[in-house]
């Protein structure tokens, strides 16, 4: 379920960036953090990230730097759906665990933490740009910005009402259960 959540956040990020948002603004930062958090709920991805000691901040920095490097073409067609290229590695449970091994090995002899993070980030961004280039050679790069995308407010409005209904239902069930045992 967590990877489905990450895919939903990708759609929100597409909407935000397509309608004038910037990858460095506060809304994008929240969405990128949410996408990473959703992705890390997957057992394979979470275990690989923890095993190598990769911080969420480094993953977010990789994501932001990738988008900046990919502009003006940060989106590809994955199956039938559009997706931001960096999101692809966070939505496929097999992709990121294998990549992290490679990224970390490029910096294995570096003792300086800041330099190590920079080497990992540069290697990751280079790989992600390569993914887009491969997609481009296959005719899968999509036009940007995706102006036909619903706005972030519309996407959140749909999920927001459903989320509110789920929250109220769980509160109601919790109250009924508490009264039953009281």
C-alpha atoms as a PDB file:
ATOM      1  CA  UNK A   1       0.000   0.000   0.000  1.00  0.00           C
ATOM      2  CA  UNK A   2       2.839   2.385   0.700  1.00  0.00           C
ATOM      3  CA  UNK A   3       4.027   2.336  -2.901  1.00  0.00           C
ATOM      4  CA  UNK A   4       0.501   3.193  -4.024  1.00  0.00           C
ATOM      5  CA  UNK A   5       0.643   6.128  -1.623  1.00  0.00           C
ATOM      6  CA  UNK A   6       3.967   7.205  -3.122  1.00  0.00           C
ATOM      7  CA  UNK A   7       2.407   7.066  -6.606  1.00  0.00           C
ATOM      8  CA  UNK A   8      -0.452   9.279  -5.400  1.00  0.00           C
ATOM      9  CA  UNK A   9       2.019  11.806  -4.021  1.00  0.00           C
ATOM     10  CA  UNK A  10       3.824  11.791  -7.391  1.00  0.00           C
ATOM     11  CA  UNK A  11       0.556  12.886  -9.038  1.00  0.00           C
ATOM     12  CA  UNK A  12       0.238  15.716  -6.500  1.00  0.00           C
ATOM     13  CA  UNK A  13       3.808  16.778  -7.195  1.00  0.00           C
ATOM     14  CA  UNK A  14       3.143  16.752 -10.949  1.00  0.00           C
ATOM     15  CA  UNK A  15       0.091  18.937 -10.361  1.00  0.00           C
ATOM     16  CA  UNK A  16       1.950  21.358  -8.110  1.00  0.00           C
ATOM     17  CA  UNK A  17       4.945  21.739 -10.418  1.00  0.00           C
ATOM     18  CA  UNK A  18       2.792  21.913 -13.558  1.00  0.00           C
ATOM     19  CA  UNK A  19       0.725  24.755 -12.164  1.00  0.00           C
ATOM     20  CA  UNK A  20       3.589  27.059 -11.213  1.00  0.00           C
ATOM     21  CA  UNK A  21       5.196  25.385  -8.216  1.00  0.00           C
ATOM     22  CA  UNK A  22       8.954  25.170  -7.827  1.00  0.00           C
ATOM     23  CA  UNK A  23      10.836  22.062  -6.708  1.00  0.00           C
ATOM     24  CA  UNK A  24      12.473  24.133  -3.961  1.00  0.00           C
ATOM     25  CA  UNK A  25       9.313  25.639  -2.462  1.00  0.00           C
ATOM     26  CA  UNK A  26       7.689  24.533   0.782  1.00  0.00           C
ATOM     27  CA  UNK A  27       4.818  22.622  -0.874  1.00  0.00           C
ATOM     28  CA  UNK A  28       7.255  20.610  -2.983  1.00  0.00           C
ATOM     29  CA  UNK A  29       9.398  19.918   0.081  1.00  0.00           C
ATOM     30  CA  UNK A  30       6.367  18.579   1.942  1.00  0.00           C
ATOM     31  CA  UNK A  31       5.311  16.440  -1.025  1.00  0.00           C
ATOM     32  CA  UNK A  32       8.823  15.062  -1.606  1.00  0.00           C
ATOM     33  CA  UNK A  33       9.122  14.207   2.091  1.00  0.00           C
ATOM     34  CA  UNK A  34       5.721  12.524   1.970  1.00  0.00           C
ATOM     35  CA  UNK A  35       6.648  10.534  -1.164  1.00  0.00           C
ATOM     36  CA  UNK A  36       9.850   9.301   0.473  1.00  0.00           C
ATOM     37  CA  UNK A  37       8.063   8.443   3.714  1.00  0.00           C
ATOM     38  CA  UNK A  38       5.423   6.459   1.797  1.00  0.00           C
ATOM     39  CA  UNK A  39       8.141   4.656  -0.148  1.00  0.00           C
ATOM     40  CA  UNK A  40      10.096   3.763   2.992  1.00  0.00           C
ATOM     41  CA  UNK A  41       7.018   2.013   4.395  1.00  0.00           C
ATOM     42  CA  UNK A  42       7.723  -0.723   1.846  1.00  0.00           C
ATOM     43  CA  UNK A  43       9.731  -3.413   3.660  1.00  0.00           C
ATOM     44  CA  UNK A  44      12.358  -3.913   0.921  1.00  0.00           C
ATOM     45  CA  UNK A  45      12.970  -0.218   0.335  1.00  0.00           C
ATOM     46  CA  UNK A  46      12.967   0.679   4.021  1.00  0.00           C
ATOM     47  CA  UNK A  47      15.390  -2.136   4.881  1.00  0.00           C
ATOM     48  CA  UNK A  48      17.829  -1.146   2.108  1.00  0.00           C
ATOM     49  CA  UNK A  49      17.822   2.515   3.126  1.00  0.00           C
ATOM     50  CA  UNK A  50      18.331   1.661   6.812  1.00  0.00           C
ATOM     51  CA  UNK A  51      21.041  -0.912   5.993  1.00  0.00           C
ATOM     52  CA  UNK A  52      23.134   1.705   4.197  1.00  0.00           C
ATOM     53  CA  UNK A  53      22.336   4.523   6.622  1.00  0.00           C
ATOM     54  CA  UNK A  54      20.910   6.794   3.938  1.00  0.00           C
ATOM     55  CA  UNK A  55      19.044   9.706   5.488  1.00  0.00           C
ATOM     56  CA  UNK A  56      15.663  10.964   4.341  1.00  0.00           C
ATOM     57  CA  UNK A  57      17.308  14.361   3.833  1.00  0.00           C
ATOM     58  CA  UNK A  58      19.790  12.838   1.379  1.00  0.00           C
ATOM     59  CA  UNK A  59      16.962  11.077  -0.487  1.00  0.00           C
ATOM     60  CA  UNK A  60      15.035  14.371  -0.673  1.00  0.00           C
ATOM     61  CA  UNK A  61      18.141  16.171  -1.907  1.00  0.00           C
ATOM     62  CA  UNK A  62      18.623  13.506  -4.592  1.00  0.00           C
ATOM     63  CA  UNK A  63      14.987  13.962  -5.641  1.00  0.00           C
ATOM     64  CA  UNK A  64      15.191  17.772  -5.816  1.00  0.00           C
ATOM     65  CA  UNK A  65      18.557  17.783  -7.610  1.00  0.00           C
ATOM     66  CA  UNK A  66      17.250  15.247 -10.119  1.00  0.00           C
ATOM     67  CA  UNK A  67      14.233  17.366 -10.988  1.00  0.00           C
ATOM     68  CA  UNK A  68      16.441  20.434 -11.409  1.00  0.00           C
ATOM     69  CA  UNK A  69      18.823  18.484 -13.656  1.00  0.00           C
ATOM     70  CA  UNK A  70      15.975  16.986 -15.703  1.00  0.00           C
ATOM     71  CA  UNK A  71      14.249  20.269 -16.498  1.00  0.00           C
ATOM     72  CA  UNK A  72      12.758  21.055 -18.947  1.00  0.00           C
ATOM     73  CA  UNK A  73      11.760  17.364 -19.368  1.00  0.00           C
ATOM     74  CA  UNK A  74      11.334  15.732 -15.927  1.00  0.00           C
ATOM     75  CA  UNK A  75       8.421  13.447 -16.817  1.00  0.00           C
ATOM     76  CA  UNK A  76       8.135  10.165 -18.698  1.00  0.00           C
ATOM     77  CA  UNK A  77       5.388   7.728 -19.561  1.00  0.00           C
ATOM     78  CA  UNK A  78       5.590   4.643 -17.346  1.00  0.00           C
ATOM     79  CA  UNK A  79       3.132   2.100 -18.674  1.00  0.00           C
ATOM     80  CA  UNK A  80       0.154   4.319 -19.460  1.00  0.00           C
ATOM     81  CA  UNK A  81       0.719   6.843 -16.674  1.00  0.00           C
ATOM     82  CA  UNK A  82       2.917   9.926 -16.534  1.00  0.00           C
ATOM     83  CA  UNK A  83       5.492   9.928 -13.744  1.00  0.00           C
ATOM     84  CA  UNK A  84       8.294  12.225 -12.642  1.00  0.00           C
ATOM     85  CA  UNK A  85      11.514  10.338 -13.360  1.00  0.00           C
ATOM     86  CA  UNK A  86      12.893  10.453  -9.776  1.00  0.00           C
ATOM     87  CA  UNK A  87       9.569   9.110  -8.463  1.00  0.00           C
ATOM     88  CA  UNK A  88      10.098   5.958 -10.496  1.00  0.00           C
ATOM     89  CA  UNK A  89      12.888   4.744  -8.218  1.00  0.00           C
ATOM     90  CA  UNK A  90      10.722   5.296  -5.130  1.00  0.00           C
ATOM     91  CA  UNK A  91       7.655   3.511  -6.519  1.00  0.00           C
ATOM     92  CA  UNK A  92       9.258   0.256  -7.695  1.00  0.00           C
ATOM     93  CA  UNK A  93      10.196  -1.906  -4.695  1.00  0.00           C
ATOM     94  CA  UNK A  94      13.108  -3.547  -6.506  1.00  0.00           C
ATOM     95  CA  UNK A  95      14.649  -0.464  -8.059  1.00  0.00           C
ATOM     96  CA  UNK A  96      15.881   1.572  -5.088  1.00  0.00           C
ATOM     97  CA  UNK A  97      17.386  -1.305  -3.056  1.00  0.00           C
ATOM     98  CA  UNK A  98      19.612  -2.293  -5.988  1.00  0.00           C
ATOM     99  CA  UNK A  99      20.530   1.293  -6.786  1.00  0.00           C
ATOM    100  CA  UNK A 100      21.489   2.183  -3.230  1.00  0.00           C
ATOM    101  CA  UNK A 101      24.063  -0.611  -3.218  1.00  0.00           C
ATOM    102  CA  UNK A 102      25.684   0.903  -6.311  1.00  0.00           C
ATOM    103  CA  UNK A 103      25.442   4.503  -5.087  1.00  0.00           C
ATOM    104  CA  UNK A 104      27.002   3.698  -1.724  1.00  0.00           C
ATOM    105  CA  UNK A 105      29.790   1.644  -3.304  1.00  0.00           C
ATOM    106  CA  UNK A 106      30.896   4.705  -5.295  1.00  0.00           C
ATOM    107  CA  UNK A 107      31.643   6.479  -2.009  1.00  0.00           C
ATOM    108  CA  UNK A 108      32.833   3.522   0.053  1.00  0.00           C
ATOM    109  CA  UNK A 109      36.382   4.811   0.614  1.00  0.00           C
ATOM    110  CA  UNK A 110      35.315   8.349   1.505  1.00  0.00           C
ATOM    111  CA  UNK A 111      35.436   9.072   5.222  1.00  0.00           C
ATOM    112  CA  UNK A 112      34.114  12.650   5.132  1.00  0.00           C
ATOM    113  CA  UNK A 113      30.335  12.457   5.651  1.00  0.00           C
ATOM    114  CA  UNK A 114      29.532  15.565   3.611  1.00  0.00           C
ATOM    115  CA  UNK A 115      31.708  14.468   0.690  1.00  0.00           C
ATOM    116  CA  UNK A 116      30.276  10.945   0.887  1.00  0.00           C
ATOM    117  CA  UNK A 117      26.716  12.314   0.654  1.00  0.00           C
ATOM    118  CA  UNK A 118      27.697  14.529  -2.289  1.00  0.00           C
ATOM    119  CA  UNK A 119      29.233  11.585  -4.172  1.00  0.00           C
ATOM    120  CA  UNK A 120      26.133   9.468  -3.543  1.00  0.00           C
ATOM    121  CA  UNK A 121      23.857  12.321  -4.651  1.00  0.00           C
ATOM    122  CA  UNK A 122      25.857  13.001  -7.832  1.00  0.00           C
ATOM    123  CA  UNK A 123      25.885   9.298  -8.727  1.00  0.00           C
ATOM    124  CA  UNK A 124      22.139   9.024  -8.108  1.00  0.00           C
ATOM    125  CA  UNK A 125      21.298  12.128 -10.152  1.00  0.00           C
ATOM    126  CA  UNK A 126      23.470  10.898 -13.012  1.00  0.00           C
ATOM    127  CA  UNK A 127      21.609   7.568 -12.980  1.00  0.00           C
ATOM    128  CA  UNK A 128      18.181   9.246 -12.874  1.00  0.00           C
ATOM    129  CA  UNK A 129      19.088  11.511 -15.811  1.00  0.00           C
ATOM    130  CA  UNK A 130      20.182   8.345 -17.623  1.00  0.00           C
ATOM    131  CA  UNK A 131      16.726   6.861 -17.016  1.00  0.00           C
ATOM    132  CA  UNK A 132      15.144   9.869 -18.706  1.00  0.00           C
ATOM    133  CA  UNK A 133      17.599   9.659 -21.596  1.00  0.00           C
ATOM    134  CA  UNK A 134      16.724   5.993 -22.075  1.00  0.00           C
ATOM    135  CA  UNK A 135      13.017   6.850 -21.993  1.00  0.00           C
ATOM    136  CA  UNK A 136      13.680   9.614 -24.528  1.00  0.00           C
ATOM    137  CA  UNK A 137      15.298   7.144 -26.917  1.00  0.00           C
ATOM    138  CA  UNK A 138      12.118   5.052 -26.609  1.00  0.00           C
ATOM    139  CA  UNK A 139       9.822   8.034 -27.224  1.00  0.00           C
ATOM    140  CA  UNK A 140       8.494   8.039 -23.654  1.00  0.00           C
ATOM    141  CA  UNK A 141       9.418  11.554 -22.540  1.00  0.00           C
ATOM    142  CA  UNK A 142       6.244  13.528 -21.925  1.00  0.00           C
ATOM    143  CA  UNK A 143       5.576  17.218 -22.542  1.00  0.00           C
ATOM    144  CA  UNK A 144       6.175  19.505 -19.578  1.00  0.00           C
ATOM    145  CA  UNK A 145       4.523  21.172 -17.808  1.00  0.00           C
ATOM    146  CA  UNK A 146       1.504  18.887 -17.734  1.00  0.00           C
ATOM    147  CA  UNK A 147      -1.088  21.653 -17.861  1.00  0.00           C
ATOM    148  CA  UNK A 148      -3.998  19.220 -18.294  1.00  0.00           C
ATOM    149  CA  UNK A 149      -3.143  17.841 -14.856  1.00  0.00           C
ATOM    150  CA  UNK A 150      -5.734  18.632 -12.207  1.00  0.00           C
ATOM    151  CA  UNK A 151      -4.578  21.232  -9.732  1.00  0.00           C
ATOM    152  CA  UNK A 152      -3.113  20.180  -6.410  1.00  0.00           C
ATOM    153  CA  UNK A 153      -6.184  21.578  -4.666  1.00  0.00           C
ATOM    154  CA  UNK A 154      -8.476  19.332  -6.732  1.00  0.00           C
ATOM    155  CA  UNK A 155      -6.322  16.264  -6.049  1.00  0.00           C
ATOM    156  CA  UNK A 156      -6.184  17.015  -2.337  1.00  0.00           C
ATOM    157  CA  UNK A 157      -9.894  17.823  -2.290  1.00  0.00           C
ATOM    158  CA  UNK A 158     -10.748  14.334  -3.492  1.00  0.00           C
ATOM    159  CA  UNK A 159      -8.322  12.624  -1.149  1.00  0.00           C
ATOM    160  CA  UNK A 160      -9.080  15.088   1.622  1.00  0.00           C
ATOM    161  CA  UNK A 161     -12.789  14.254   1.780  1.00  0.00           C
ATOM    162  CA  UNK A 162     -12.084  10.545   1.629  1.00  0.00           C
ATOM    163  CA  UNK A 163      -9.390  10.932   4.278  1.00  0.00           C
ATOM    164  CA  UNK A 164     -11.769  12.920   6.449  1.00  0.00           C
ATOM    165  CA  UNK A 165     -14.442  10.247   6.091  1.00  0.00           C
ATOM    166  CA  UNK A 166     -11.936   7.531   7.047  1.00  0.00           C
ATOM    167  CA  UNK A 167     -10.742   9.549  10.010  1.00  0.00           C
ATOM    168  CA  UNK A 168     -14.310  10.155  11.243  1.00  0.00           C
ATOM    169  CA  UNK A 169     -15.147   6.481  10.774  1.00  0.00           C
ATOM    170  CA  UNK A 170     -12.118   5.391  12.793  1.00  0.00           C
ATOM    171  CA  UNK A 171     -12.922   7.911  15.533  1.00  0.00           C
ATOM    172  CA  UNK A 172     -16.517   6.637  15.634  1.00  0.00           C
ATOM    173  CA  UNK A 173     -15.384   3.021  15.842  1.00  0.00           C
ATOM    174  CA  UNK A 174     -12.870   3.939  18.513  1.00  0.00           C
ATOM    175  CA  UNK A 175     -15.552   5.723  20.534  1.00  0.00           C
ATOM    176  CA  UNK A 176     -17.971   2.807  20.196  1.00  0.00           C
ATOM    177  CA  UNK A 177     -15.250   0.369  21.250  1.00  0.00           C
ATOM    178  CA  UNK A 178     -14.295   2.550  24.223  1.00  0.00           C
ATOM    179  CA  UNK A 179     -17.921   2.821  25.349  1.00  0.00           C
ATOM    180  CA  UNK A 180     -18.391  -0.907  24.967  1.00  0.00           C
ATOM    181  CA  UNK A 181     -15.505  -1.611  27.359  1.00  0.00           C
ATOM    182  CA  UNK A 182     -16.337   1.168  29.813  1.00  0.00           C
END
